[in-house]
N, C-alpha and C. Protein backbone atom coordinates (compact mmCIF):
# COMPACT_ATOMS: atom_id res chain seq x y z
N UNK A 1 235.30 309.90 195.59
CA UNK A 1 235.53 308.55 196.36
C UNK A 1 235.09 307.35 196.03
N UNK A 2 235.91 306.17 196.14
CA UNK A 2 235.68 304.97 195.52
C UNK A 2 234.26 303.92 196.49
N UNK A 3 233.59 303.65 195.37
CA UNK A 3 232.38 303.29 195.72
C UNK A 3 232.57 301.50 196.21
N UNK A 4 231.82 301.18 197.16
CA UNK A 4 231.89 299.66 198.12
C UNK A 4 231.00 298.81 197.16
N UNK A 5 230.16 299.43 196.14
CA UNK A 5 229.41 298.57 195.35
C UNK A 5 229.86 298.60 193.99
N UNK A 6 229.60 297.52 192.93
CA UNK A 6 230.37 297.37 191.68
C UNK A 6 229.02 297.18 190.86
N UNK A 7 228.76 298.20 190.16
CA UNK A 7 227.26 298.08 189.31
C UNK A 7 227.66 296.95 188.24
N UNK A 8 226.77 296.18 187.97
CA UNK A 8 226.81 295.19 186.66
C UNK A 8 226.45 295.97 185.55
N UNK A 9 227.33 295.62 184.44
CA UNK A 9 226.79 296.28 183.08
C UNK A 9 225.41 296.05 182.89
N UNK A 10 224.89 296.83 181.82
CA UNK A 10 223.67 296.70 181.69
C UNK A 10 223.22 295.51 181.01
N UNK A 11 221.92 294.82 180.72
CA UNK A 11 221.89 293.49 179.93
C UNK A 11 221.34 293.64 178.84
N UNK A 12 221.55 293.12 177.90
CA UNK A 12 221.60 293.29 176.31
C UNK A 12 219.87 293.90 176.28
N UNK A 13 219.09 293.21 176.80
CA UNK A 13 217.70 293.85 176.70
C UNK A 13 217.68 295.49 177.01
N UNK A 14 218.57 296.04 177.92
CA UNK A 14 218.23 297.23 178.43
C UNK A 14 218.95 298.06 177.13
N UNK A 15 219.97 297.48 176.84
CA UNK A 15 220.52 298.20 175.55
C UNK A 15 219.99 298.74 174.71
N UNK A 16 219.34 297.08 173.83
CA UNK A 16 218.73 297.06 173.02
C UNK A 16 216.90 297.77 173.08
N UNK A 17 216.66 297.95 174.53
CA UNK A 17 215.47 298.67 174.49
C UNK A 17 215.51 300.12 173.80
N UNK A 18 216.69 300.68 173.44
CA UNK A 18 216.72 301.73 172.88
C UNK A 18 216.41 301.76 171.13
N UNK A 19 216.05 300.81 170.63
CA UNK A 19 215.65 300.60 169.46
C UNK A 19 214.43 300.78 169.32
N UNK A 20 214.04 301.69 168.07
CA UNK A 20 212.36 301.97 167.93
C UNK A 20 212.02 300.39 166.80
N UNK A 21 211.01 300.09 167.95
CA UNK A 21 210.15 298.99 167.29
C UNK A 21 208.93 299.53 165.97
N UNK A 22 208.69 298.62 165.20
CA UNK A 22 207.71 298.74 164.25
C UNK A 22 206.49 298.59 165.28
N UNK A 23 205.02 299.32 164.90
CA UNK A 23 204.20 299.40 165.42
C UNK A 23 203.68 298.08 165.64
N UNK A 24 202.88 297.63 166.87
CA UNK A 24 202.42 296.53 166.99
C UNK A 24 201.57 296.15 166.08
N UNK A 25 200.53 297.02 165.38
CA UNK A 25 199.39 296.92 164.60
C UNK A 25 199.72 296.35 163.40
N UNK A 26 201.36 296.58 162.98
CA UNK A 26 201.53 296.40 161.79
C UNK A 26 202.31 294.93 161.80
N UNK A 27 202.20 294.06 162.92
CA UNK A 27 203.37 292.95 163.08
C UNK A 27 202.17 291.99 163.13
N UNK A 28 202.48 290.35 163.15
CA UNK A 28 201.77 289.63 162.69
C UNK A 28 201.50 289.10 164.51
N UNK A 29 201.09 288.40 165.00
CA UNK A 29 200.36 287.52 166.27
C UNK A 29 201.80 287.11 166.90
N UNK A 30 202.39 286.35 166.11
CA UNK A 30 203.68 285.77 166.39
C UNK A 30 204.80 286.61 166.76
N UNK A 31 204.99 287.97 165.91
CA UNK A 31 205.78 288.87 166.24
C UNK A 31 205.76 289.52 167.28
N UNK A 32 204.16 289.75 167.73
CA UNK A 32 204.16 290.61 169.12
C UNK A 32 204.26 289.62 170.19
N UNK A 33 204.01 288.32 170.08
CA UNK A 33 204.30 287.35 171.14
C UNK A 33 205.89 286.94 171.31
N UNK A 34 206.62 287.62 170.46
CA UNK A 34 208.29 287.11 170.28
C UNK A 34 208.30 285.88 170.02
N UNK A 35 207.84 285.42 169.23
CA UNK A 35 208.04 284.14 168.72
C UNK A 35 208.88 284.21 167.32
N UNK A 36 208.70 285.37 166.44
CA UNK A 36 209.18 285.47 165.43
C UNK A 36 209.83 286.91 165.61
N UNK A 37 210.94 287.29 164.43
CA UNK A 37 211.39 288.54 164.86
C UNK A 37 210.81 289.81 164.47
N UNK A 38 210.59 290.75 165.24
CA UNK A 38 209.76 292.12 164.75
C UNK A 38 210.40 292.72 163.32
N UNK A 39 211.55 292.29 163.13
CA UNK A 39 211.75 293.00 161.70
C UNK A 39 211.42 292.18 160.48
N UNK A 40 212.14 290.89 160.68
CA UNK A 40 212.27 290.03 159.22
C UNK A 40 210.91 288.70 159.23
N UNK A 41 210.55 288.78 160.68
CA UNK A 41 209.44 287.57 160.94
C UNK A 41 209.89 286.29 160.87
N UNK A 42 211.57 286.12 161.17
CA UNK A 42 211.52 284.81 161.26
C UNK A 42 211.47 284.15 162.48
N UNK A 43 211.25 282.97 162.20
CA UNK A 43 210.89 282.39 163.59
C UNK A 43 212.08 282.22 164.55
N UNK A 44 212.09 282.16 165.78
CA UNK A 44 212.89 282.34 166.86
C UNK A 44 212.80 281.30 167.71
N UNK A 45 214.19 280.65 168.24
CA UNK A 45 214.37 280.01 168.95
C UNK A 45 215.08 280.42 170.10
N UNK A 46 214.84 279.95 171.69
CA UNK A 46 215.55 280.54 172.72
C UNK A 46 216.95 280.67 172.51
N UNK A 47 217.61 280.20 171.86
CA UNK A 47 219.16 280.40 171.77
C UNK A 47 219.40 281.47 170.71
N UNK A 48 218.36 281.74 169.77
CA UNK A 48 218.82 282.79 168.50
C UNK A 48 218.10 284.10 168.81
N UNK A 49 217.07 284.16 169.98
CA UNK A 49 216.37 285.12 170.06
C UNK A 49 216.96 286.57 170.98
N UNK A 50 216.85 287.52 170.49
CA UNK A 50 217.48 288.55 171.41
C UNK A 50 216.00 289.52 171.95
N UNK A 51 215.92 289.32 173.67
CA UNK A 51 214.85 290.02 174.12
C UNK A 51 215.34 291.95 173.91
N UNK A 52 214.16 292.27 173.44
CA UNK A 52 214.32 293.80 173.34
C UNK A 52 213.74 294.56 174.04
N UNK A 53 213.17 294.19 175.47
CA UNK A 53 212.80 294.67 176.53
C UNK A 53 211.43 294.98 176.31
N UNK A 54 210.52 295.30 177.23
CA UNK A 54 209.02 295.30 177.69
C UNK A 54 209.02 296.73 176.92
N UNK A 55 207.76 296.67 176.30
CA UNK A 55 207.21 298.15 175.79
C UNK A 55 205.84 297.90 175.83
N UNK A 56 204.80 299.38 176.11
CA UNK A 56 203.79 299.62 176.40
C UNK A 56 203.35 300.32 175.48
N UNK A 57 202.24 299.82 174.73
CA UNK A 57 201.68 299.98 173.55
C UNK A 57 200.22 300.17 173.26
N UNK A 58 199.79 300.91 172.36
CA UNK A 58 198.16 300.45 172.32
C UNK A 58 198.43 299.26 171.04
N UNK A 59 197.45 298.30 171.62
CA UNK A 59 197.42 297.20 170.76
C UNK A 59 195.93 296.61 170.70
N UNK A 60 195.18 296.81 169.44
CA UNK A 60 193.55 296.32 169.29
C UNK A 60 193.27 297.29 170.47
N UNK A 61 193.29 298.63 170.41
CA UNK A 61 192.27 300.04 170.95
C UNK A 61 192.83 299.68 172.54
N UNK A 62 193.72 298.97 173.07
CA UNK A 62 193.71 298.74 174.59
C UNK A 62 195.41 298.92 174.70
N UNK A 63 195.60 299.85 176.14
CA UNK A 63 197.09 300.13 176.23
C UNK A 63 197.75 298.59 176.67
N UNK A 64 198.60 297.88 176.17
CA UNK A 64 199.33 296.96 176.47
C UNK A 64 200.59 296.62 176.54
N UNK A 65 201.40 295.57 177.60
CA UNK A 65 202.61 295.46 177.54
C UNK A 65 202.87 294.45 176.66
N UNK A 66 204.02 294.40 175.73
CA UNK A 66 204.36 293.46 175.04
C UNK A 66 205.91 293.28 174.68
N UNK A 67 206.41 292.29 174.07
CA UNK A 67 207.80 291.99 174.64
C UNK A 67 208.51 291.54 173.49
N UNK A 68 208.86 292.43 172.49
CA UNK A 68 209.42 292.11 171.12
C UNK A 68 210.86 291.34 171.30
N UNK A 69 211.01 290.56 170.39
CA UNK A 69 212.17 289.92 170.40
C UNK A 69 212.96 290.31 168.54
N UNK A 70 213.83 289.86 168.77
CA UNK A 70 214.73 289.92 167.12
C UNK A 70 215.68 288.85 167.18
N UNK A 71 215.93 288.55 165.96
CA UNK A 71 217.22 287.42 165.24
C UNK A 71 218.41 288.68 165.35
N UNK A 72 219.72 288.22 165.78
CA UNK A 72 220.75 288.95 165.84
C UNK A 72 221.10 289.84 164.74
N UNK A 73 220.73 289.18 163.53
CA UNK A 73 221.17 289.99 162.30
C UNK A 73 220.53 291.58 162.31
N UNK A 74 219.27 291.55 162.57
CA UNK A 74 218.28 292.54 162.37
C UNK A 74 218.65 293.40 163.63
N UNK A 75 218.63 292.77 164.80
CA UNK A 75 219.03 293.37 166.29
C UNK A 75 220.32 294.38 165.63
N UNK A 76 221.35 293.94 165.50
CA UNK A 76 222.85 294.24 165.03
C UNK A 76 222.31 295.73 164.11
N UNK A 77 222.05 295.41 162.94
CA UNK A 77 221.52 296.23 161.70
C UNK A 77 220.54 297.64 162.12
N UNK A 78 219.61 297.15 162.93
CA UNK A 78 218.90 298.18 163.79
C UNK A 78 219.94 299.02 164.85
N UNK A 79 220.29 298.55 165.75
CA UNK A 79 221.26 298.93 166.46
C UNK A 79 222.17 300.14 165.74
N UNK A 80 222.86 299.31 164.55
CA UNK A 80 223.69 300.32 164.14
C UNK A 80 223.27 301.27 163.35
N UNK A 81 221.97 301.22 162.59
CA UNK A 81 221.35 302.24 162.11
C UNK A 81 220.88 303.15 162.88
N UNK A 82 220.58 303.04 164.19
CA UNK A 82 220.21 304.01 164.91
C UNK A 82 221.32 304.78 165.97
N UNK A 83 222.30 303.98 166.03
CA UNK A 83 224.04 304.69 166.66
C UNK A 83 224.15 305.79 165.18
N UNK A 84 224.22 305.64 164.17
CA UNK A 84 224.39 306.53 163.00
C UNK A 84 223.44 307.68 163.07
N UNK A 85 222.25 307.53 163.56
CA UNK A 85 221.26 308.72 163.40
C UNK A 85 221.37 309.42 164.38
N UNK A 86 221.66 308.64 165.28
CA UNK A 86 222.07 309.61 166.93
C UNK A 86 223.14 310.15 166.74
N UNK A 87 224.17 309.68 166.18
CA UNK A 87 225.56 310.19 166.14
C UNK A 87 225.58 311.75 165.18
N UNK A 88 224.98 311.23 163.81
CA UNK A 88 224.84 312.82 163.18
C UNK A 88 224.23 313.80 163.84
N UNK A 89 223.62 314.01 164.94
CA UNK A 89 222.49 314.80 165.58
C UNK A 89 223.25 315.10 166.67
N UNK A 90 224.56 314.39 167.16
CA UNK A 90 225.18 314.66 168.77
C UNK A 90 226.51 315.01 168.57
N UNK A 91 226.10 316.35 169.09
CA UNK A 91 227.67 317.00 168.95
C UNK A 91 228.57 316.47 169.94
N UNK A 92 228.13 315.76 171.16
CA UNK A 92 228.90 315.03 171.99
C UNK A 92 229.61 313.40 171.43
N UNK A 93 228.69 313.24 170.46
CA UNK A 93 229.30 311.69 170.13
C UNK A 93 229.90 312.10 168.75
N UNK A 94 230.00 313.09 168.33
CA UNK A 94 231.28 313.81 166.96
C UNK A 94 232.57 313.67 167.98
N UNK A 95 232.44 314.31 169.07
CA UNK A 95 233.81 314.41 169.85
C UNK A 95 234.15 313.26 170.40
N UNK A 96 233.02 312.51 171.52
CA UNK A 96 233.31 311.51 172.07
C UNK A 96 232.21 310.72 172.57
N UNK A 97 231.94 309.89 172.15
CA UNK A 97 230.60 308.78 172.12
C UNK A 97 230.71 308.50 173.40
N UNK A 98 231.81 308.04 174.34
CA UNK A 98 232.03 307.74 175.45
C UNK A 98 231.18 308.58 176.62
N UNK A 99 231.17 309.80 176.12
CA UNK A 99 230.77 310.59 177.06
C UNK A 99 229.47 310.91 177.17
N UNK A 100 228.81 310.35 175.96
CA UNK A 100 227.23 310.54 175.62
C UNK A 100 226.68 309.17 176.10
N UNK A 101 225.53 309.31 177.03
CA UNK A 101 224.79 308.23 177.62
C UNK A 101 224.09 307.45 176.56
N UNK A 102 223.37 307.90 175.62
CA UNK A 102 222.63 307.38 174.71
C UNK A 102 223.56 306.79 173.73
N UNK A 103 224.69 307.62 173.11
CA UNK A 103 225.62 306.79 172.04
C UNK A 103 226.45 305.74 172.73
N UNK A 104 227.11 305.94 173.93
CA UNK A 104 227.45 304.73 174.62
C UNK A 104 226.29 303.54 174.67
N UNK A 105 225.34 303.75 175.07
CA UNK A 105 224.28 302.65 174.92
C UNK A 105 224.07 301.88 173.71
N UNK A 106 223.82 302.92 172.55
CA UNK A 106 223.84 302.43 171.04
C UNK A 106 225.15 301.45 170.96
N UNK A 107 226.28 301.84 171.21
CA UNK A 107 227.59 301.19 170.87
C UNK A 107 227.43 299.87 171.62
N UNK A 108 227.39 299.96 172.67
CA UNK A 108 226.97 298.42 173.45
C UNK A 108 225.76 297.79 173.09
N UNK A 109 224.97 298.20 172.60
CA UNK A 109 223.71 297.62 171.94
C UNK A 109 224.13 296.87 170.86
N UNK A 110 224.87 297.44 170.14
CA UNK A 110 225.57 297.04 168.70
C UNK A 110 226.44 295.70 169.08
N UNK A 111 227.34 295.62 170.01
CA UNK A 111 228.03 294.45 170.59
C UNK A 111 227.28 293.70 171.09
N UNK A 112 226.19 293.75 171.87
CA UNK A 112 225.62 293.33 172.63
C UNK A 112 224.68 292.24 171.22
N UNK A 113 223.80 292.62 170.15
CA UNK A 113 223.81 292.16 169.36
C UNK A 113 224.70 291.21 168.49
N UNK A 114 225.79 291.54 168.36
CA UNK A 114 226.93 290.66 167.71
C UNK A 114 227.30 289.30 168.52
N UNK A 115 227.41 289.50 169.80
CA UNK A 115 227.69 288.06 170.56
C UNK A 115 226.81 287.05 170.36
C-alpha cells in the first residue's frame, strides 16, 4: 500500500554516527568541543566540518554529551574502513548491501563524507 508521507533521507550526521570515535579522554579539548577533527586534529571551519552526531560517554569521570566533528578526508576514510570491516563479517552485504540496513547506512556515510 502506498504511503501518503515521503520520508526524507537521513542526514550526514545520522549516517556518520555509525562510526567509532576515539575515546574523549584521548582527545584534546578542541577535538572534544568539535573545533578540531577527532582523527587528525585539523582545525575545522563551519564549511569544512562534518557533524558526527551527539555522543554520550564518560568524560572526566562524568557521563557527558559531546558533539564530535571531522574533516571530510578523515570521515570518508573512517566510513570506508568501517564499511569494509562490516562487509567482511556480514553475509547479507556480500550478497547485496542494499538489503542490510547497516551496510546501506555505511555506503551512504561514505557518500555523505565525499560531498
